[in-house]
Amino acid sequence: MNSNLPSWISSGFRIFSNADLAAEIILLATVLLYTLFAILVYKQVGILNKTIITSKGVLINGLALLHLVASVVILILILVTITS
């Protein structure tokens, strides 16, 4: 160790010692918010399909459901990865 450093630095104090934990928390929060966004998109598409009836309504609803399922699967994968 460098003897010119203050004792609280040379004793092993690290500001970013839990950077991996912080990254996991930020990733989990981001994916959780994205999953909530996907839920809102699915609900809004359902309202849209009731308001404006088109021949592509089933396709749009299916894509919104696929988007929701994909975001939930990614959330589950991240939860499994973080807890293991």
C-alpha atoms as a PDB file:
ATOM      1  CA  MET A   1       0.000   0.000   0.000  1.00  0.00           C
ATOM      2  CA  ASN A   2       1.000   3.574  -0.525  1.00  0.00           C
ATOM      3  CA  SER A   3       2.006   5.117   2.787  1.00  0.00           C
ATOM      4  CA  ASN A   4       1.010   8.592   1.575  1.00  0.00           C
ATOM      5  CA  LEU A   5      -2.688   7.684   1.600  1.00  0.00           C
ATOM      6  CA  PRO A   6      -4.916   8.481   4.579  1.00  0.00           C
ATOM      7  CA  SER A   7      -5.546   5.551   6.896  1.00  0.00           C
ATOM      8  CA  TRP A   8      -9.254   5.284   6.037  1.00  0.00           C
ATOM      9  CA  ILE A   9      -8.360   4.723   2.359  1.00  0.00           C
ATOM     10  CA  SER A  10      -5.460   2.358   2.924  1.00  0.00           C
ATOM     11  CA  SER A  11      -7.440   0.282   5.425  1.00  0.00           C
ATOM     12  CA  GLY A  12      -9.615  -1.159   2.654  1.00  0.00           C
ATOM     13  CA  PHE A  13     -12.502   1.310   2.499  1.00  0.00           C
ATOM     14  CA  ARG A  14     -13.981   1.076  -0.988  1.00  0.00           C
ATOM     15  CA  ILE A  15     -16.705   3.287  -2.341  1.00  0.00           C
ATOM     16  CA  PHE A  16     -17.757   0.853  -5.095  1.00  0.00           C
ATOM     17  CA  SER A  17     -17.337  -2.412  -3.222  1.00  0.00           C
ATOM     18  CA  ASN A  18     -20.930  -3.424  -3.969  1.00  0.00           C
ATOM     19  CA  ALA A  19     -21.059  -2.332  -7.592  1.00  0.00           C
ATOM     20  CA  ASP A  20     -22.353  -5.717  -8.730  1.00  0.00           C
ATOM     21  CA  LEU A  21     -25.206  -5.567  -6.221  1.00  0.00           C
ATOM     22  CA  ALA A  22     -26.078  -2.051  -7.352  1.00  0.00           C
ATOM     23  CA  ALA A  23     -26.073  -3.188 -10.986  1.00  0.00           C
ATOM     24  CA  GLU A  24     -28.389  -6.099 -10.161  1.00  0.00           C
ATOM     25  CA  ILE A  25     -30.798  -3.815  -8.312  1.00  0.00           C
ATOM     26  CA  ILE A  26     -30.830  -1.289 -11.160  1.00  0.00           C
ATOM     27  CA  LEU A  27     -31.358  -4.056 -13.739  1.00  0.00           C
ATOM     28  CA  LEU A  28     -34.178  -5.611 -11.725  1.00  0.00           C
ATOM     29  CA  ALA A  29     -35.896  -2.245 -11.213  1.00  0.00           C
ATOM     30  CA  THR A  30     -35.599  -1.411 -14.912  1.00  0.00           C
ATOM     31  CA  VAL A  31     -37.036  -4.728 -16.068  1.00  0.00           C
ATOM     32  CA  LEU A  32     -39.808  -4.516 -13.468  1.00  0.00           C
ATOM     33  CA  LEU A  33     -40.785  -1.074 -14.759  1.00  0.00           C
ATOM     34  CA  TYR A  34     -40.651  -2.371 -18.333  1.00  0.00           C
ATOM     35  CA  THR A  35     -42.945  -5.252 -17.385  1.00  0.00           C
ATOM     36  CA  LEU A  36     -45.405  -2.773 -15.883  1.00  0.00           C
ATOM     37  CA  PHE A  37     -45.177  -0.819 -19.135  1.00  0.00           C
ATOM     38  CA  ALA A  38     -45.951  -4.005 -21.099  1.00  0.00           C
ATOM     39  CA  ILE A  39     -49.022  -4.593 -18.924  1.00  0.00           C
ATOM     40  CA  LEU A  40     -50.227  -1.061 -19.627  1.00  0.00           C
ATOM     41  CA  VAL A  41     -49.640  -1.509 -23.373  1.00  0.00           C
ATOM     42  CA  TYR A  42     -51.655  -4.740 -23.341  1.00  0.00           C
ATOM     43  CA  LYS A  43     -54.550  -3.054 -21.541  1.00  0.00           C
ATOM     44  CA  GLN A  44     -54.447  -0.044 -23.860  1.00  0.00           C
ATOM     45  CA  VAL A  45     -54.478  -2.276 -26.939  1.00  0.00           C
ATOM     46  CA  GLY A  46     -57.531  -4.033 -25.517  1.00  0.00           C
ATOM     47  CA  ILE A  47     -59.286  -0.690 -25.088  1.00  0.00           C
ATOM     48  CA  LEU A  48     -58.219   0.344 -28.596  1.00  0.00           C
ATOM     49  CA  ASN A  49     -59.621  -2.857 -30.095  1.00  0.00           C
ATOM     50  CA  LYS A  50     -62.980  -2.248 -28.387  1.00  0.00           C
ATOM     51  CA  THR A  51     -63.074   1.359 -29.574  1.00  0.00           C
ATOM     52  CA  ILE A  52     -61.804   0.953 -33.136  1.00  0.00           C
ATOM     53  CA  ILE A  53     -62.825  -2.333 -34.702  1.00  0.00           C
ATOM     54  CA  THR A  54     -60.546  -3.428 -37.542  1.00  0.00           C
ATOM     55  CA  SER A  55     -59.646  -6.681 -39.233  1.00  0.00           C
ATOM     56  CA  LYS A  56     -56.135  -6.464 -37.741  1.00  0.00           C
ATOM     57  CA  GLY A  57     -57.386  -6.178 -34.161  1.00  0.00           C
ATOM     58  CA  VAL A  58     -56.622  -9.802 -33.359  1.00  0.00           C
ATOM     59  CA  LEU A  59     -53.094  -9.441 -34.744  1.00  0.00           C
ATOM     60  CA  ILE A  60     -52.415  -6.279 -32.736  1.00  0.00           C
ATOM     61  CA  ASN A  61     -53.799  -7.879 -29.582  1.00  0.00           C
ATOM     62  CA  GLY A  62     -51.656 -10.953 -30.187  1.00  0.00           C
ATOM     63  CA  LEU A  63     -48.521  -8.850 -30.596  1.00  0.00           C
ATOM     64  CA  ALA A  64     -49.279  -6.966 -27.382  1.00  0.00           C
ATOM     65  CA  LEU A  65     -49.781 -10.272 -25.565  1.00  0.00           C
ATOM     66  CA  LEU A  66     -46.542 -11.646 -27.018  1.00  0.00           C
ATOM     67  CA  HIS A  67     -44.747  -8.515 -25.835  1.00  0.00           C
ATOM     68  CA  LEU A  68     -46.204  -8.940 -22.339  1.00  0.00           C
ATOM     69  CA  VAL A  69     -45.260 -12.619 -22.153  1.00  0.00           C
ATOM     70  CA  ALA A  70     -41.717 -11.891 -23.351  1.00  0.00           C
ATOM     71  CA  SER A  71     -41.222  -9.197 -20.722  1.00  0.00           C
ATOM     72  CA  VAL A  72     -42.527 -11.486 -17.957  1.00  0.00           C
ATOM     73  CA  VAL A  73     -40.215 -14.295 -19.111  1.00  0.00           C
ATOM     74  CA  ILE A  74     -37.238 -11.916 -19.075  1.00  0.00           C
ATOM     75  CA  LEU A  75     -38.217 -10.729 -15.590  1.00  0.00           C
ATOM     76  CA  ILE A  76     -38.377 -14.324 -14.356  1.00  0.00           C
ATOM     77  CA  LEU A  77     -35.011 -15.138 -15.939  1.00  0.00           C
ATOM     78  CA  ILE A  78     -33.414 -12.138 -14.255  1.00  0.00           C
ATOM     79  CA  LEU A  79     -34.937 -13.073 -10.892  1.00  0.00           C
ATOM     80  CA  VAL A  80     -33.627 -16.631 -11.221  1.00  0.00           C
ATOM     81  CA  THR A  81     -30.193 -15.396 -12.253  1.00  0.00           C
ATOM     82  CA  ILE A  82     -29.923 -12.890  -9.417  1.00  0.00           C
ATOM     83  CA  THR A  83     -31.078 -15.297  -6.705  1.00  0.00           C
ATOM     84  CA  SER A  84     -28.802 -18.137  -7.768  1.00  0.00           C
END
